[in-house]
PDB file of N, CA and C in Angstrom:
ATOM      1  N   UNK A   1      31.893  16.397   9.075  1.00  0.00           N
ATOM      2  CA  UNK A   1      31.157  17.234   8.153  1.00  0.00           C
ATOM      3  C   UNK A   1      30.324  18.226   8.957  1.00  0.00           C
ATOM      4  N   UNK A   2      30.240  19.407   8.469  1.00  0.00           N
ATOM      5  CA  UNK A   2      29.398  20.424   9.085  1.00  0.00           C
ATOM      6  C   UNK A   2      28.208  20.651   8.177  1.00  0.00           C
ATOM      7  N   UNK A   3      27.009  20.644   8.777  1.00  0.00           N
ATOM      8  CA  UNK A   3      25.789  20.875   8.009  1.00  0.00           C
ATOM      9  C   UNK A   3      24.994  21.991   8.676  1.00  0.00           C
ATOM     10  N   UNK A   4      24.379  22.794   7.864  1.00  0.00           N
ATOM     11  CA  UNK A   4      23.522  23.861   8.366  1.00  0.00           C
ATOM     12  C   UNK A   4      22.073  23.443   8.165  1.00  0.00           C
ATOM     13  N   UNK A   5      21.285  23.604   9.207  1.00  0.00           N
ATOM     14  CA  UNK A   5      19.873  23.229   9.144  1.00  0.00           C
ATOM     15  C   UNK A   5      19.040  24.454   9.485  1.00  0.00           C
ATOM     16  N   UNK A   6      18.094  24.768   8.635  1.00  0.00           N
ATOM     17  CA  UNK A   6      17.184  25.881   8.916  1.00  0.00           C
ATOM     18  C   UNK A   6      15.930  25.334   9.571  1.00  0.00           C
ATOM     19  N   UNK A   7      15.567  25.912  10.699  1.00  0.00           N
ATOM     20  CA  UNK A   7      14.392  25.477  11.432  1.00  0.00           C
ATOM     21  C   UNK A   7      13.427  26.640  11.590  1.00  0.00           C
ATOM     22  N   UNK A   8      12.145  26.338  11.478  1.00  0.00           N
ATOM     23  CA  UNK A   8      11.166  27.376  11.799  1.00  0.00           C
ATOM     24  C   UNK A   8      11.144  27.534  13.328  1.00  0.00           C
ATOM     25  N   UNK A   9      10.461  28.533  13.801  1.00  0.00           N
ATOM     26  CA  UNK A   9      10.507  28.835  15.238  1.00  0.00           C
ATOM     27  C   UNK A   9       9.943  27.698  16.088  1.00  0.00           C
ATOM     28  N   UNK A  10       8.929  26.991  15.568  1.00  0.00           N
ATOM     29  CA  UNK A  10       8.335  25.888  16.320  1.00  0.00           C
ATOM     30  C   UNK A  10       9.344  24.747  16.497  1.00  0.00           C
ATOM     31  N   UNK A  11      10.035  24.370  15.407  1.00  0.00           N
ATOM     32  CA  UNK A  11      11.045  23.318  15.502  1.00  0.00           C
ATOM     33  C   UNK A  11      12.229  23.759  16.363  1.00  0.00           C
ATOM     34  N   UNK A  12      12.590  25.002  16.257  1.00  0.00           N
ATOM     35  CA  UNK A  12      13.686  25.517  17.076  1.00  0.00           C
ATOM     36  C   UNK A  12      13.343  25.410  18.561  1.00  0.00           C
ATOM     37  N   UNK A  13      12.106  25.762  18.906  1.00  0.00           N
ATOM     38  CA  UNK A  13      11.656  25.651  20.293  1.00  0.00           C
ATOM     39  C   UNK A  13      11.638  24.190  20.739  1.00  0.00           C
ATOM     40  N   UNK A  14      11.142  23.323  19.884  1.00  0.00           N
ATOM     41  CA  UNK A  14      11.109  21.895  20.202  1.00  0.00           C
ATOM     42  C   UNK A  14      12.519  21.366  20.439  1.00  0.00           C
ATOM     43  N   UNK A  15      13.434  21.725  19.569  1.00  0.00           N
ATOM     44  CA  UNK A  15      14.822  21.284  19.709  1.00  0.00           C
ATOM     45  C   UNK A  15      15.439  21.814  21.003  1.00  0.00           C
ATOM     46  N   UNK A  16      15.203  23.057  21.296  1.00  0.00           N
ATOM     47  CA  UNK A  16      15.732  23.654  22.535  1.00  0.00           C
ATOM     48  C   UNK A  16      15.162  22.962  23.770  1.00  0.00           C
ATOM     49  N   UNK A  17      13.855  22.703  23.744  1.00  0.00           N
ATOM     50  CA  UNK A  17      13.220  22.020  24.875  1.00  0.00           C
ATOM     51  C   UNK A  17      13.778  20.611  25.063  1.00  0.00           C
ATOM     52  N   UNK A  18      13.944  19.882  23.948  1.00  0.00           N
ATOM     53  CA  UNK A  18      14.524  18.542  24.029  1.00  0.00           C
ATOM     54  C   UNK A  18      15.948  18.597  24.570  1.00  0.00           C
ATOM     55  N   UNK A  19      16.696  19.558  24.111  1.00  0.00           N
ATOM     56  CA  UNK A  19      18.078  19.718  24.549  1.00  0.00           C
ATOM     57  C   UNK A  19      18.148  19.905  26.060  1.00  0.00           C
ATOM     58  N   UNK A  20      17.275  20.730  26.583  1.00  0.00           N
ATOM     59  CA  UNK A  20      17.251  20.959  28.028  1.00  0.00           C
ATOM     60  C   UNK A  20      16.756  19.721  28.783  1.00  0.00           C
ATOM     61  N   UNK A  21      15.674  19.122  28.289  1.00  0.00           N
ATOM     62  CA  UNK A  21      15.086  17.970  28.969  1.00  0.00           C
ATOM     63  C   UNK A  21      16.025  16.779  29.007  1.00  0.00           C
ATOM     64  N   UNK A  22      16.693  16.534  27.894  1.00  0.00           N
ATOM     65  CA  UNK A  22      17.563  15.368  27.786  1.00  0.00           C
ATOM     66  C   UNK A  22      18.994  15.653  28.234  1.00  0.00           C
ATOM     67  N   UNK A  23      19.279  16.915  28.488  1.00  0.00           N
ATOM     68  CA  UNK A  23      20.631  17.342  28.845  1.00  0.00           C
ATOM     69  C   UNK A  23      21.638  16.891  27.776  1.00  0.00           C
ATOM     70  N   UNK A  24      21.248  17.126  26.525  1.00  0.00           N
ATOM     71  CA  UNK A  24      22.093  16.799  25.370  1.00  0.00           C
ATOM     72  C   UNK A  24      22.229  18.059  24.539  1.00  0.00           C
ATOM     73  N   UNK A  25      23.346  18.144  23.805  1.00  0.00           N
ATOM     74  CA  UNK A  25      23.449  19.310  22.930  1.00  0.00           C
ATOM     75  C   UNK A  25      22.598  19.089  21.677  1.00  0.00           C
ATOM     76  N   UNK A  26      22.279  20.154  21.024  1.00  0.00           N
ATOM     77  CA  UNK A  26      21.363  20.113  19.873  1.00  0.00           C
ATOM     78  C   UNK A  26      21.907  19.256  18.739  1.00  0.00           C
ATOM     79  N   UNK A  27      23.196  19.297  18.533  1.00  0.00           N
ATOM     80  CA  UNK A  27      23.806  18.487  17.469  1.00  0.00           C
ATOM     81  C   UNK A  27      23.595  16.999  17.719  1.00  0.00           C
ATOM     82  N   UNK A  28      23.742  16.570  18.970  1.00  0.00           N
ATOM     83  CA  UNK A  28      23.520  15.155  19.294  1.00  0.00           C
ATOM     84  C   UNK A  28      22.074  14.748  19.033  1.00  0.00           C
ATOM     85  N   UNK A  29      21.145  15.612  19.368  1.00  0.00           N
ATOM     86  CA  UNK A  29      19.723  15.318  19.141  1.00  0.00           C
ATOM     87  C   UNK A  29      19.440  15.212  17.643  1.00  0.00           C
ATOM     88  N   UNK A  30      20.001  16.096  16.859  1.00  0.00           N
ATOM     89  CA  UNK A  30      19.799  16.051  15.408  1.00  0.00           C
ATOM     90  C   UNK A  30      20.415  14.782  14.825  1.00  0.00           C
ATOM     91  N   UNK A  31      21.625  14.404  15.286  1.00  0.00           N
ATOM     92  CA  UNK A  31      22.251  13.157  14.809  1.00  0.00           C
ATOM     93  C   UNK A  31      21.387  11.953  15.175  1.00  0.00           C
ATOM     94  N   UNK A  32      20.897  11.922  16.425  1.00  0.00           N
ATOM     95  CA  UNK A  32      20.026  10.811  16.851  1.00  0.00           C
ATOM     96  C   UNK A  32      18.762  10.749  15.998  1.00  0.00           C
ATOM     97  N   UNK A  33      18.218  11.905  15.679  1.00  0.00           N
ATOM     98  CA  UNK A  33      17.000  11.956  14.861  1.00  0.00           C
ATOM     99  C   UNK A  33      17.258  11.399  13.460  1.00  0.00           C
ATOM    100  N   UNK A  34      18.405  11.691  12.895  1.00  0.00           N
ATOM    101  CA  UNK A  34      18.742  11.175  11.558  1.00  0.00           C
ATOM    102  C   UNK A  34      18.886   9.663  11.597  1.00  0.00           C
ATOM    103  N   UNK A  35      19.549   9.140  12.627  1.00  0.00           N
ATOM    104  CA  UNK A  35      19.708   7.687  12.769  1.00  0.00           C
ATOM    105  C   UNK A  35      18.339   7.022  12.904  1.00  0.00           C
ATOM    106  N   UNK A  36      17.487   7.570  13.748  1.00  0.00           N
ATOM    107  CA  UNK A  36      16.141   7.021  13.939  1.00  0.00           C
ATOM    108  C   UNK A  36      15.333   7.072  12.646  1.00  0.00           C
ATOM    109  N   UNK A  37      15.422   8.172  11.920  1.00  0.00           N
ATOM    110  CA  UNK A  37      14.710   8.318  10.655  1.00  0.00           C
ATOM    111  C   UNK A  37      15.177   7.250   9.659  1.00  0.00           C
ATOM    112  N   UNK A  38      16.482   7.050   9.581  1.00  0.00           N
ATOM    113  CA  UNK A  38      17.028   6.058   8.645  1.00  0.00           C
ATOM    114  C   UNK A  38      16.560   4.650   8.997  1.00  0.00           C
ATOM    115  N   UNK A  39      16.553   4.309  10.292  1.00  0.00           N
ATOM    116  CA  UNK A  39      16.085   2.982  10.714  1.00  0.00           C
ATOM    117  C   UNK A  39      14.618   2.790  10.343  1.00  0.00           C
ATOM    118  N   UNK A  40      13.787   3.789  10.621  1.00  0.00           N
ATOM    119  CA  UNK A  40      12.362   3.689  10.293  1.00  0.00           C
ATOM    120  C   UNK A  40      12.136   3.611   8.798  1.00  0.00           C
ATOM    121  N   UNK A  41      12.917   4.364   8.045  1.00  0.00           N
ATOM    122  CA  UNK A  41      12.792   4.343   6.592  1.00  0.00           C
ATOM    123  C   UNK A  41      13.080   2.947   6.063  1.00  0.00           C
ATOM    124  N   UNK A  42      14.165   2.330   6.539  1.00  0.00           N
ATOM    125  CA  UNK A  42      14.523   0.995   6.066  1.00  0.00           C
ATOM    126  C   UNK A  42      13.512  -0.047   6.505  1.00  0.00           C
ATOM    127  N   UNK A  43      12.976   0.093   7.722  1.00  0.00           N
ATOM    128  CA  UNK A  43      11.961  -0.845   8.200  1.00  0.00           C
ATOM    129  C   UNK A  43      10.695  -0.711   7.352  1.00  0.00           C
ATOM    130  N   UNK A  44      10.285   0.506   7.070  1.00  0.00           N
ATOM    131  CA  UNK A  44       9.095   0.726   6.253  1.00  0.00           C
ATOM    132  C   UNK A  44       9.309   0.247   4.826  1.00  0.00           C
ATOM    133  N   UNK A  45      10.527   0.420   4.317  1.00  0.00           N
ATOM    134  CA  UNK A  45      10.848  -0.052   2.965  1.00  0.00           C
ATOM    135  C   UNK A  45      10.684  -1.567   2.893  1.00  0.00           C
ATOM    136  N   UNK A  46      11.199  -2.274   3.902  1.00  0.00           N
ATOM    137  CA  UNK A  46      11.074  -3.731   3.932  1.00  0.00           C
ATOM    138  C   UNK A  46       9.604  -4.134   4.013  1.00  0.00           C
ATOM    139  N   UNK A  47       8.834  -3.434   4.853  1.00  0.00           N
ATOM    140  CA  UNK A  47       7.407  -3.743   5.000  1.00  0.00           C
ATOM    141  C   UNK A  47       6.669  -3.541   3.675  1.00  0.00           C
ATOM    142  N   UNK A  48       6.989  -2.453   2.958  1.00  0.00           N
ATOM    143  CA  UNK A  48       6.328  -2.192   1.669  1.00  0.00           C
ATOM    144  C   UNK A  48       6.669  -3.274   0.647  1.00  0.00           C
ATOM    145  N   UNK A  49       7.909  -3.737   0.653  1.00  0.00           N
ATOM    146  CA  UNK A  49       8.310  -4.802  -0.273  1.00  0.00           C
ATOM    147  C   UNK A  49       7.568  -6.093   0.052  1.00  0.00           C
ATOM    148  N   UNK A  50       7.507  -6.444   1.339  1.00  0.00           N
ATOM    149  CA  UNK A  50       6.795  -7.666   1.738  1.00  0.00           C
ATOM    150  C   UNK A  50       5.306  -7.583   1.399  1.00  0.00           C
ATOM    151  N   UNK A  51       4.703  -6.412   1.578  1.00  0.00           N
ATOM    152  CA  UNK A  51       3.290  -6.231   1.208  1.00  0.00           C
ATOM    153  C   UNK A  51       3.096  -6.387  -0.291  1.00  0.00           C
ATOM    154  N   UNK A  52       4.026  -5.870  -1.078  1.00  0.00           N
ATOM    155  CA  UNK A  52       3.924  -5.990  -2.536  1.00  0.00           C
ATOM    156  C   UNK A  52       4.042  -7.457  -2.961  1.00  0.00           C
ATOM    157  N   UNK A  53       4.941  -8.198  -2.323  1.00  0.00           N
ATOM    158  CA  UNK A  53       5.098  -9.623  -2.630  1.00  0.00           C
ATOM    159  C   UNK A  53       3.820 -10.374  -2.284  1.00  0.00           C
ATOM    160  N   UNK A  54       3.246 -10.092  -1.110  1.00  0.00           N
ATOM    161  CA  UNK A  54       1.996 -10.755  -0.707  1.00  0.00           C
ATOM    162  C   UNK A  54       0.872 -10.442  -1.688  1.00  0.00           C
ATOM    163  N   UNK A  55       0.768  -9.176  -2.078  1.00  0.00           N
ATOM    164  CA  UNK A  55      -0.281  -8.779  -3.014  1.00  0.00           C
ATOM    165  C   UNK A  55      -0.109  -9.509  -4.348  1.00  0.00           C
ATOM    166  N   UNK A  56       1.127  -9.616  -4.810  1.00  0.00           N
ATOM    167  CA  UNK A  56       1.398 -10.318  -6.069  1.00  0.00           C
ATOM    168  C   UNK A  56       1.043 -11.789  -5.959  1.00  0.00           C
ATOM    169  N   UNK A  57       1.393 -12.410  -4.826  1.00  0.00           N
ATOM    170  CA  UNK A  57       1.045 -13.821  -4.622  1.00  0.00           C
ATOM    171  C   UNK A  57      -0.470 -14.018  -4.628  1.00  0.00           C
ATOM    172  N   UNK A  58      -1.193 -13.119  -3.953  1.00  0.00           N
ATOM    173  CA  UNK A  58      -2.658 -13.218  -3.904  1.00  0.00           C
ATOM    174  C   UNK A  58      -3.260 -13.091  -5.299  1.00  0.00           C
ATOM    175  N   UNK A  59      -2.762 -12.150  -6.076  1.00  0.00           N
ATOM    176  CA  UNK A  59      -3.261 -11.964  -7.446  1.00  0.00           C
ATOM    177  C   UNK A  59      -2.978 -13.202  -8.282  1.00  0.00           C
ATOM    178  N   UNK A  60      -1.753 -13.735  -8.163  1.00  0.00           N
ATOM    179  CA  UNK A  60      -1.393 -14.940  -8.922  1.00  0.00           C
ATOM    180  C   UNK A  60      -2.271 -16.121  -8.522  1.00  0.00           C
ATOM    181  N   UNK A  61      -2.535 -16.262  -7.235  1.00  0.00           N
ATOM    182  CA  UNK A  61      -3.372 -17.367  -6.765  1.00  0.00           C
ATOM    183  C   UNK A  61      -4.788 -17.238  -7.331  1.00  0.00           C
ATOM    184  N   UNK A  62      -5.339 -16.034  -7.301  1.00  0.00           N
ATOM    185  CA  UNK A  62      -6.687 -15.818  -7.834  1.00  0.00           C
ATOM    186  C   UNK A  62      -6.738 -16.106  -9.327  1.00  0.00           C
ATOM    187  N   UNK A  63      -5.719 -15.673 -10.054  1.00  0.00           N
ATOM    188  CA  UNK A  63      -5.694 -15.943 -11.498  1.00  0.00           C
ATOM    189  C   UNK A  63      -5.591 -17.440 -11.761  1.00  0.00           C
ATOM    190  N   UNK A  64      -4.782 -18.147 -10.960  1.00  0.00           N
ATOM    191  CA  UNK A  64      -4.661 -19.589 -11.121  1.00  0.00           C
ATOM    192  C   UNK A  64      -6.003 -20.273 -10.872  1.00  0.00           C
ATOM    193  N   UNK A  65      -6.679 -19.875  -9.791  1.00  0.00           N
ATOM    194  CA  UNK A  65      -7.975 -20.488  -9.478  1.00  0.00           C
ATOM    195  C   UNK A  65      -9.003 -20.202 -10.567  1.00  0.00           C
ATOM    196  N   UNK A  66      -9.008 -18.974 -11.097  1.00  0.00           N
ATOM    197  CA  UNK A  66      -9.926 -18.647 -12.190  1.00  0.00           C
ATOM    198  C   UNK A  66      -9.620 -19.501 -13.413  1.00  0.00           C
ATOM    199  N   UNK A  67      -8.341 -19.660 -13.713  1.00  0.00           N
ATOM    200  CA  UNK A  67      -7.944 -20.472 -14.861  1.00  0.00           C
ATOM    201  C   UNK A  67      -8.316 -21.927 -14.638  1.00  0.00           C
ATOM    202  N   UNK A  68      -8.057 -22.440 -13.447  1.00  0.00           N
ATOM    203  CA  UNK A  68      -8.380 -23.824 -13.142  1.00  0.00           C
ATOM    204  C   UNK A  68      -9.877 -24.087 -13.283  1.00  0.00           C
ATOM    205  N   UNK A  69     -10.698 -23.118 -12.884  1.00  0.00           N
ATOM    206  CA  UNK A  69     -12.145 -23.263 -13.032  1.00  0.00           C
ATOM    207  C   UNK A  69     -12.545 -23.393 -14.497  1.00  0.00           C
ATOM    208  N   UNK A  70     -11.855 -22.703 -15.387  1.00  0.00           N
ATOM    209  CA  UNK A  70     -12.212 -22.776 -16.812  1.00  0.00           C
ATOM    210  C   UNK A  70     -11.863 -24.132 -17.407  1.00  0.00           C
ATOM    211  N   UNK A  71     -10.935 -24.866 -16.811  1.00  0.00           N
ATOM    212  CA  UNK A  71     -10.558 -26.180 -17.336  1.00  0.00           C
ATOM    213  C   UNK A  71     -11.717 -27.169 -17.251  1.00  0.00           C
ATOM    214  N   UNK A  72     -12.566 -26.950 -16.263  1.00  0.00           N
ATOM    215  CA  UNK A  72     -13.645 -27.920 -16.028  1.00  0.00           C
ATOM    216  C   UNK A  72     -15.015 -27.378 -16.444  1.00  0.00           C
ATOM    217  N   UNK A  73     -15.038 -26.251 -17.156  1.00  0.00           N
ATOM    218  CA  UNK A  73     -16.328 -25.710 -17.616  1.00  0.00           C
ATOM    219  C   UNK A  73     -17.010 -26.723 -18.539  1.00  0.00           C
ATOM    220  N   UNK A  74     -18.169 -27.160 -18.130  1.00  0.00           N
ATOM    221  CA  UNK A  74     -18.959 -28.055 -18.969  1.00  0.00           C
ATOM    222  C   UNK A  74     -18.479 -29.482 -18.968  1.00  0.00           C
ATOM    223  N   UNK A  75     -17.470 -29.794 -18.207  1.00  0.00           N
ATOM    224  CA  UNK A  75     -16.960 -31.177 -18.152  1.00  0.00           C
ATOM    225  C   UNK A  75     -17.196 -31.698 -16.738  1.00  0.00           C
ATOM    226  N   UNK A  76     -17.802 -32.857 -16.672  1.00  0.00           N
ATOM    227  CA  UNK A  76     -18.044 -33.467 -15.356  1.00  0.00           C
ATOM    228  C   UNK A  76     -16.723 -33.983 -14.804  1.00  0.00           C
ATOM    229  N   UNK A  77     -16.530 -33.762 -13.526  1.00  0.00           N
ATOM    230  CA  UNK A  77     -15.287 -34.241 -12.893  1.00  0.00           C
ATOM    231  C   UNK A  77     -15.411 -35.669 -12.485  1.00  0.00           C
TER     232      UNK A  77
END
């Protein structure tokens, strides 16, 4: 597949500098960047899901403890 990417002058300079420094062509650098972006996106997605699960567990635990406290209101244990 052929894709066209428009870059502002700053990104174009950055890409050119990377190309020279790494001795890689610009297309390879762009492909590597897409792969890296996808890996980070999936890692961050997993982290966000795990954080949401933890938050839900914490909320459920607090609600359970609040409810449990009401069971013994005014009753000696």
